[in-house]
Amino acid sequence: MMLSIFLLIPLSLMLFVVAIWAVRYAVKSNQFEDLDNASQRIILEDRQERRQVIQTHEEVTKKPSDVDNTNNNKDD
């Protein structure tokens, strides 16, 4: 019984020191900055990429029709 206490107390103190070091490291490396927007940023970036793809697709599909409209206007 006494042997386990002599083993567990230093072990728990070492784990406590490691936990404190890990929290301080996380705070100093700014891992707790902007917790709310990080998860939303992924979604917003994906939406922006989709919009760009849609816009470029629309521009590509509209260009031939725009050319036809300008040719029709020139004939009139």
PDB file of N, CA and C in Angstrom:
ATOM      1  N   MET A   1       0.825  -1.190   0.000  1.00  0.00           N
ATOM      2  CA  MET A   1       0.000   0.000   0.000  1.00  0.00           C
ATOM      3  C   MET A   1       0.867   1.250   0.000  1.00  0.00           C
ATOM      4  N   MET A   2       1.827   1.291   0.844  1.00  0.00           N
ATOM      5  CA  MET A   2       2.696   2.463   0.941  1.00  0.00           C
ATOM      6  C   MET A   2       3.552   2.601  -0.307  1.00  0.00           C
ATOM      7  N   LEU A   3       3.933   1.484  -0.906  1.00  0.00           N
ATOM      8  CA  LEU A   3       4.751   1.525  -2.114  1.00  0.00           C
ATOM      9  C   LEU A   3       3.976   2.166  -3.267  1.00  0.00           C
ATOM     10  N   SER A   4       2.693   1.886  -3.372  1.00  0.00           N
ATOM     11  CA  SER A   4       1.900   2.477  -4.450  1.00  0.00           C
ATOM     12  C   SER A   4       1.742   3.983  -4.265  1.00  0.00           C
ATOM     13  N   ILE A   5       1.656   4.461  -3.044  1.00  0.00           N
ATOM     14  CA  ILE A   5       1.578   5.908  -2.796  1.00  0.00           C
ATOM     15  C   ILE A   5       2.887   6.571  -3.209  1.00  0.00           C
ATOM     16  N   PHE A   6       4.018   5.949  -2.876  1.00  0.00           N
ATOM     17  CA  PHE A   6       5.306   6.516  -3.268  1.00  0.00           C
ATOM     18  C   PHE A   6       5.469   6.547  -4.793  1.00  0.00           C
ATOM     19  N   LEU A   7       4.778   5.683  -5.478  1.00  0.00           N
ATOM     20  CA  LEU A   7       4.837   5.666  -6.933  1.00  0.00           C
ATOM     21  C   LEU A   7       3.825   6.634  -7.545  1.00  0.00           C
ATOM     22  N   LEU A   8       2.617   6.670  -7.014  1.00  0.00           N
ATOM     23  CA  LEU A   8       1.551   7.460  -7.621  1.00  0.00           C
ATOM     24  C   LEU A   8       1.687   8.960  -7.378  1.00  0.00           C
ATOM     25  N   ILE A   9       2.192   9.369  -6.250  1.00  0.00           N
ATOM     26  CA  ILE A   9       2.329  10.814  -5.979  1.00  0.00           C
ATOM     27  C   ILE A   9       3.325  11.458  -6.946  1.00  0.00           C
ATOM     28  N   PRO A  10       4.543  10.953  -7.121  1.00  0.00           N
ATOM     29  CA  PRO A  10       5.440  11.583  -8.105  1.00  0.00           C
ATOM     30  C   PRO A  10       4.905  11.483  -9.533  1.00  0.00           C
ATOM     31  N   LEU A  11       4.258  10.373  -9.851  1.00  0.00           N
ATOM     32  CA  LEU A  11       3.699  10.227 -11.187  1.00  0.00           C
ATOM     33  C   LEU A  11       2.596  11.257 -11.440  1.00  0.00           C
ATOM     34  N   SER A  12       1.736  11.468 -10.469  1.00  0.00           N
ATOM     35  CA  SER A  12       0.668  12.453 -10.638  1.00  0.00           C
ATOM     36  C   SER A  12       1.228  13.866 -10.697  1.00  0.00           C
ATOM     37  N   LEU A  13       2.279  14.146  -9.951  1.00  0.00           N
ATOM     38  CA  LEU A  13       2.905  15.469 -10.020  1.00  0.00           C
ATOM     39  C   LEU A  13       3.549  15.704 -11.386  1.00  0.00           C
ATOM     40  N   MET A  14       4.166  14.672 -11.933  1.00  0.00           N
ATOM     41  CA  MET A  14       4.763  14.810 -13.268  1.00  0.00           C
ATOM     42  C   MET A  14       3.673  15.045 -14.313  1.00  0.00           C
ATOM     43  N   LEU A  15       2.573  14.324 -14.234  1.00  0.00           N
ATOM     44  CA  LEU A  15       1.477  14.531 -15.173  1.00  0.00           C
ATOM     45  C   LEU A  15       0.871  15.923 -15.025  1.00  0.00           C
ATOM     46  N   PHE A  16       0.799  16.411 -13.798  1.00  0.00           N
ATOM     47  CA  PHE A  16       0.290  17.759 -13.543  1.00  0.00           C
ATOM     48  C   PHE A  16       1.194  18.802 -14.192  1.00  0.00           C
ATOM     49  N   VAL A  17       2.499  18.650 -14.058  1.00  0.00           N
ATOM     50  CA  VAL A  17       3.450  19.587 -14.666  1.00  0.00           C
ATOM     51  C   VAL A  17       3.357  19.532 -16.193  1.00  0.00           C
ATOM     52  N   VAL A  18       3.226  18.347 -16.735  1.00  0.00           N
ATOM     53  CA  VAL A  18       3.084  18.208 -18.192  1.00  0.00           C
ATOM     54  C   VAL A  18       1.792  18.865 -18.663  1.00  0.00           C
ATOM     55  N   ALA A  19       0.713  18.721 -17.926  1.00  0.00           N
ATOM     56  CA  ALA A  19      -0.556  19.347 -18.295  1.00  0.00           C
ATOM     57  C   ALA A  19      -0.458  20.862 -18.263  1.00  0.00           C
ATOM     58  N   ILE A  20       0.192  21.403 -17.242  1.00  0.00           N
ATOM     59  CA  ILE A  20       0.385  22.860 -17.162  1.00  0.00           C
ATOM     60  C   ILE A  20       1.240  23.339 -18.320  1.00  0.00           C
ATOM     61  N   TRP A  21       2.303  22.614 -18.636  1.00  0.00           N
ATOM     62  CA  TRP A  21       3.152  22.991 -19.772  1.00  0.00           C
ATOM     63  C   TRP A  21       2.360  22.963 -21.084  1.00  0.00           C
ATOM     64  N   ALA A  22       1.513  21.968 -21.268  1.00  0.00           N
ATOM     65  CA  ALA A  22       0.733  21.850 -22.501  1.00  0.00           C
ATOM     66  C   ALA A  22      -0.249  23.011 -22.640  1.00  0.00           C
ATOM     67  N   VAL A  23      -0.883  23.400 -21.562  1.00  0.00           N
ATOM     68  CA  VAL A  23      -1.824  24.524 -21.613  1.00  0.00           C
ATOM     69  C   VAL A  23      -1.083  25.822 -21.898  1.00  0.00           C
ATOM     70  N   ARG A  24       0.051  26.034 -21.241  1.00  0.00           N
ATOM     71  CA  ARG A  24       0.824  27.262 -21.487  1.00  0.00           C
ATOM     72  C   ARG A  24       1.336  27.311 -22.916  1.00  0.00           C
ATOM     73  N   TYR A  25       1.764  26.168 -23.449  1.00  0.00           N
ATOM     74  CA  TYR A  25       2.229  26.116 -24.832  1.00  0.00           C
ATOM     75  C   TYR A  25       1.090  26.468 -25.799  1.00  0.00           C
ATOM     76  N   ALA A  26      -0.095  25.936 -25.519  1.00  0.00           N
ATOM     77  CA  ALA A  26      -1.242  26.218 -26.388  1.00  0.00           C
ATOM     78  C   ALA A  26      -1.627  27.688 -26.336  1.00  0.00           C
ATOM     79  N   VAL A  27      -1.557  28.281 -25.162  1.00  0.00           N
ATOM     80  CA  VAL A  27      -1.889  29.701 -25.037  1.00  0.00           C
ATOM     81  C   VAL A  27      -0.852  30.558 -25.740  1.00  0.00           C
ATOM     82  N   LYS A  28       0.428  30.246 -25.561  1.00  0.00           N
ATOM     83  CA  LYS A  28       1.480  31.052 -26.192  1.00  0.00           C
ATOM     84  C   LYS A  28       1.507  30.894 -27.708  1.00  0.00           C
ATOM     85  N   SER A  29       1.075  29.769 -28.223  1.00  0.00           N
ATOM     86  CA  SER A  29       1.074  29.587 -29.680  1.00  0.00           C
ATOM     87  C   SER A  29      -0.267  30.000 -30.297  1.00  0.00           C
ATOM     88  N   ASN A  30      -1.079  30.743 -29.539  1.00  0.00           N
ATOM     89  CA  ASN A  30      -2.341  31.340 -30.004  1.00  0.00           C
ATOM     90  C   ASN A  30      -3.345  30.316 -30.532  1.00  0.00           C
ATOM     91  N   GLN A  31      -3.410  29.179 -29.913  1.00  0.00           N
ATOM     92  CA  GLN A  31      -4.373  28.175 -30.352  1.00  0.00           C
ATOM     93  C   GLN A  31      -5.768  28.434 -29.801  1.00  0.00           C
ATOM     94  N   PHE A  32      -5.895  29.360 -28.865  1.00  0.00           N
ATOM     95  CA  PHE A  32      -7.203  29.696 -28.315  1.00  0.00           C
ATOM     96  C   PHE A  32      -7.736  30.994 -28.891  1.00  0.00           C
ATOM     97  N   GLU A  33      -7.093  31.543 -29.895  1.00  0.00           N
ATOM     98  CA  GLU A  33      -7.550  32.758 -30.537  1.00  0.00           C
ATOM     99  C   GLU A  33      -8.636  32.423 -31.548  1.00  0.00           C
ATOM    100  N   ASP A  34      -9.668  33.200 -31.564  1.00  0.00           N
ATOM    101  CA  ASP A  34     -10.736  33.116 -32.564  1.00  0.00           C
ATOM    102  C   ASP A  34     -11.318  31.710 -32.667  1.00  0.00           C
ATOM    103  N   LEU A  35     -11.849  31.216 -31.567  1.00  0.00           N
ATOM    104  CA  LEU A  35     -12.413  29.867 -31.546  1.00  0.00           C
ATOM    105  C   LEU A  35     -13.724  29.775 -32.321  1.00  0.00           C
ATOM    106  N   ASP A  36     -14.471  30.886 -32.402  1.00  0.00           N
ATOM    107  CA  ASP A  36     -15.785  30.834 -33.035  1.00  0.00           C
ATOM    108  C   ASP A  36     -15.702  30.811 -34.554  1.00  0.00           C
ATOM    109  N   ASN A  37     -14.789  31.573 -35.125  1.00  0.00           N
ATOM    110  CA  ASN A  37     -14.768  31.717 -36.582  1.00  0.00           C
ATOM    111  C   ASN A  37     -13.973  30.637 -37.297  1.00  0.00           C
ATOM    112  N   ALA A  38     -13.163  29.895 -36.600  1.00  0.00           N
ATOM    113  CA  ALA A  38     -12.342  28.884 -37.268  1.00  0.00           C
ATOM    114  C   ALA A  38     -13.200  27.798 -37.915  1.00  0.00           C
ATOM    115  N   SER A  39     -14.227  27.375 -37.232  1.00  0.00           N
ATOM    116  CA  SER A  39     -15.083  26.335 -37.808  1.00  0.00           C
ATOM    117  C   SER A  39     -15.938  26.893 -38.936  1.00  0.00           C
ATOM    118  N   GLN A  40     -16.305  28.144 -38.862  1.00  0.00           N
ATOM    119  CA  GLN A  40     -17.121  28.747 -39.912  1.00  0.00           C
ATOM    120  C   GLN A  40     -16.288  29.113 -41.131  1.00  0.00           C
ATOM    121  N   ARG A  41     -15.018  29.367 -40.934  1.00  0.00           N
ATOM    122  CA  ARG A  41     -14.145  29.762 -42.037  1.00  0.00           C
ATOM    123  C   ARG A  41     -14.060  28.668 -43.097  1.00  0.00           C
ATOM    124  N   ILE A  42     -14.065  27.423 -42.684  1.00  0.00           N
ATOM    125  CA  ILE A  42     -14.006  26.310 -43.633  1.00  0.00           C
ATOM    126  C   ILE A  42     -15.238  26.324 -44.526  1.00  0.00           C
ATOM    127  N   ILE A  43     -16.396  26.533 -43.926  1.00  0.00           N
ATOM    128  CA  ILE A  43     -17.638  26.551 -44.697  1.00  0.00           C
ATOM    129  C   ILE A  43     -17.668  27.757 -45.625  1.00  0.00           C
ATOM    130  N   LEU A  44     -17.258  28.918 -45.118  1.00  0.00           N
ATOM    131  CA  LEU A  44     -17.293  30.127 -45.934  1.00  0.00           C
ATOM    132  C   LEU A  44     -16.323  30.050 -47.105  1.00  0.00           C
ATOM    133  N   GLU A  45     -15.157  29.474 -46.895  1.00  0.00           N
ATOM    134  CA  GLU A  45     -14.205  29.325 -47.993  1.00  0.00           C
ATOM    135  C   GLU A  45     -14.755  28.390 -49.059  1.00  0.00           C
ATOM    136  N   ASP A  46     -15.435  27.341 -48.627  1.00  0.00           N
ATOM    137  CA  ASP A  46     -16.027  26.409 -49.580  1.00  0.00           C
ATOM    138  C   ASP A  46     -17.117  27.100 -50.388  1.00  0.00           C
ATOM    139  N   ARG A  47     -17.919  27.925 -49.735  1.00  0.00           N
ATOM    140  CA  ARG A  47     -18.963  28.663 -50.440  1.00  0.00           C
ATOM    141  C   ARG A  47     -18.361  29.630 -51.452  1.00  0.00           C
ATOM    142  N   GLN A  48     -17.280  30.305 -51.075  1.00  0.00           N
ATOM    143  CA  GLN A  48     -16.641  31.244 -51.994  1.00  0.00           C
ATOM    144  C   GLN A  48     -16.088  30.517 -53.211  1.00  0.00           C
ATOM    145  N   GLU A  49     -15.502  29.374 -52.999  1.00  0.00           N
ATOM    146  CA  GLU A  49     -14.984  28.601 -54.132  1.00  0.00           C
ATOM    147  C   GLU A  49     -16.118  28.169 -55.058  1.00  0.00           C
ATOM    148  N   ARG A  50     -17.236  27.747 -54.481  1.00  0.00           N
ATOM    149  CA  ARG A  50     -18.385  27.352 -55.304  1.00  0.00           C
ATOM    150  C   ARG A  50     -18.902  28.530 -56.113  1.00  0.00           C
ATOM    151  N   ARG A  51     -18.987  29.705 -55.468  1.00  0.00           N
ATOM    152  CA  ARG A  51     -19.464  30.890 -56.181  1.00  0.00           C
ATOM    153  C   ARG A  51     -18.543  31.244 -57.336  1.00  0.00           C
ATOM    154  N   GLN A  52     -17.242  31.134 -57.123  1.00  0.00           N
ATOM    155  CA  GLN A  52     -16.303  31.434 -58.194  1.00  0.00           C
ATOM    156  C   GLN A  52     -16.455  30.455 -59.342  1.00  0.00           C
ATOM    157  N   VAL A  53     -16.640  29.191 -59.022  1.00  0.00           N
ATOM    158  CA  VAL A  53     -16.813  28.188 -60.078  1.00  0.00           C
ATOM    159  C   VAL A  53     -18.097  28.466 -60.846  1.00  0.00           C
ATOM    160  N   ILE A  54     -19.159  28.793 -60.125  1.00  0.00           N
ATOM    161  CA  ILE A  54     -20.434  29.083 -60.781  1.00  0.00           C
ATOM    162  C   ILE A  54     -20.313  30.326 -61.649  1.00  0.00           C
ATOM    163  N   GLN A  55     -19.648  31.360 -61.153  1.00  0.00           N
ATOM    164  CA  GLN A  55     -19.492  32.592 -61.926  1.00  0.00           C
ATOM    165  C   GLN A  55     -18.679  32.353 -63.187  1.00  0.00           C
ATOM    166  N   THR A  56     -17.598  31.609 -63.067  1.00  0.00           N
ATOM    167  CA  THR A  56     -16.792  31.342 -64.264  1.00  0.00           C
ATOM    168  C   THR A  56     -17.575  30.474 -65.249  1.00  0.00           C
ATOM    169  N   HIS A  57     -18.351  29.545 -64.728  1.00  0.00           N
ATOM    170  CA  HIS A  57     -19.172  28.705 -65.609  1.00  0.00           C
ATOM    171  C   HIS A  57     -20.227  29.563 -66.318  1.00  0.00           C
ATOM    172  N   GLU A  58     -20.845  30.479 -65.580  1.00  0.00           N
ATOM    173  CA  GLU A  58     -21.847  31.362 -66.183  1.00  0.00           C
ATOM    174  C   GLU A  58     -21.218  32.280 -67.216  1.00  0.00           C
ATOM    175  N   GLU A  59     -20.016  32.772 -66.941  1.00  0.00           N
ATOM    176  CA  GLU A  59     -19.337  33.638 -67.901  1.00  0.00           C
ATOM    177  C   GLU A  59     -19.015  32.887 -69.179  1.00  0.00           C
ATOM    178  N   VAL A  60     -18.612  31.650 -69.044  1.00  0.00           N
ATOM    179  CA  VAL A  60     -18.274  30.843 -70.222  1.00  0.00           C
ATOM    180  C   VAL A  60     -19.527  30.558 -71.035  1.00  0.00           C
ATOM    181  N   THR A  61     -20.622  30.263 -70.363  1.00  0.00           N
ATOM    182  CA  THR A  61     -21.848  29.938 -71.088  1.00  0.00           C
ATOM    183  C   THR A  61     -22.516  31.193 -71.655  1.00  0.00           C
ATOM    184  N   LYS A  62     -22.300  32.358 -71.057  1.00  0.00           N
ATOM    185  CA  LYS A  62     -22.927  33.586 -71.542  1.00  0.00           C
ATOM    186  C   LYS A  62     -22.168  34.195 -72.714  1.00  0.00           C
ATOM    187  N   LYS A  63     -20.899  33.952 -72.829  1.00  0.00           N
ATOM    188  CA  LYS A  63     -20.108  34.594 -73.878  1.00  0.00           C
ATOM    189  C   LYS A  63     -20.610  34.271 -75.284  1.00  0.00           C
ATOM    190  N   PRO A  64     -20.917  33.040 -75.632  1.00  0.00           N
ATOM    191  CA  PRO A  64     -21.432  32.801 -76.989  1.00  0.00           C
ATOM    192  C   PRO A  64     -22.763  33.503 -77.232  1.00  0.00           C
ATOM    193  N   SER A  65     -23.623  33.555 -76.240  1.00  0.00           N
ATOM    194  CA  SER A  65     -24.907  34.223 -76.441  1.00  0.00           C
ATOM    195  C   SER A  65     -24.718  35.728 -76.563  1.00  0.00           C
ATOM    196  N   ASP A  66     -23.763  36.298 -75.842  1.00  0.00           N
ATOM    197  CA  ASP A  66     -23.479  37.718 -75.964  1.00  0.00           C
ATOM    198  C   ASP A  66     -22.963  38.042 -77.356  1.00  0.00           C
ATOM    199  N   VAL A  67     -22.137  37.162 -77.894  1.00  0.00           N
ATOM    200  CA  VAL A  67     -21.614  37.364 -79.239  1.00  0.00           C
ATOM    201  C   VAL A  67     -22.752  37.305 -80.243  1.00  0.00           C
ATOM    202  N   ASP A  68     -23.677  36.386 -80.082  1.00  0.00           N
ATOM    203  CA  ASP A  68     -24.826  36.285 -80.969  1.00  0.00           C
ATOM    204  C   ASP A  68     -25.692  37.535 -80.880  1.00  0.00           C
ATOM    205  N   ASN A  69     -25.880  38.057 -79.665  1.00  0.00           N
ATOM    206  CA  ASN A  69     -26.692  39.257 -79.496  1.00  0.00           C
ATOM    207  C   ASN A  69     -26.034  40.464 -80.153  1.00  0.00           C
ATOM    208  N   THR A  70     -24.739  40.585 -80.076  1.00  0.00           N
ATOM    209  CA  THR A  70     -24.061  41.722 -80.707  1.00  0.00           C
ATOM    210  C   THR A  70     -24.121  41.590 -82.219  1.00  0.00           C
ATOM    211  N   ASN A  71     -24.053  40.379 -82.741  1.00  0.00           N
ATOM    212  CA  ASN A  71     -24.161  40.177 -84.181  1.00  0.00           C
ATOM    213  C   ASN A  71     -25.562  40.482 -84.679  1.00  0.00           C
ATOM    214  N   ASN A  72     -26.563  40.121 -83.876  1.00  0.00           N
ATOM    215  CA  ASN A  72     -27.940  40.414 -84.256  1.00  0.00           C
ATOM    216  C   ASN A  72     -28.197  41.910 -84.238  1.00  0.00           C
ATOM    217  N   ASN A  73     -27.603  42.605 -83.289  1.00  0.00           N
ATOM    218  CA  ASN A  73     -27.786  44.056 -83.224  1.00  0.00           C
ATOM    219  C   ASN A  73     -27.114  44.749 -84.389  1.00  0.00           C
ATOM    220  N   LYS A  74     -25.999  44.241 -84.870  1.00  0.00           N
ATOM    221  CA  LYS A  74     -25.297  44.846 -85.980  1.00  0.00           C
ATOM    222  C   LYS A  74     -26.081  44.676 -87.275  1.00  0.00           C
ATOM    223  N   ASP A  75     -26.798  43.576 -87.414  1.00  0.00           N
ATOM    224  CA  ASP A  75     -27.572  43.325 -88.619  1.00  0.00           C
ATOM    225  C   ASP A  75     -28.779  44.248 -88.697  1.00  0.00           C
ATOM    226  N   ASP A  76     -29.303  44.647 -87.536  1.00  0.00           N
ATOM    227  CA  ASP A  76     -30.522  45.486 -87.518  1.00  0.00           C
ATOM    228  C   ASP A  76     -30.195  46.877 -87.862  1.00  0.00           C
TER     229      ASP A  76
END
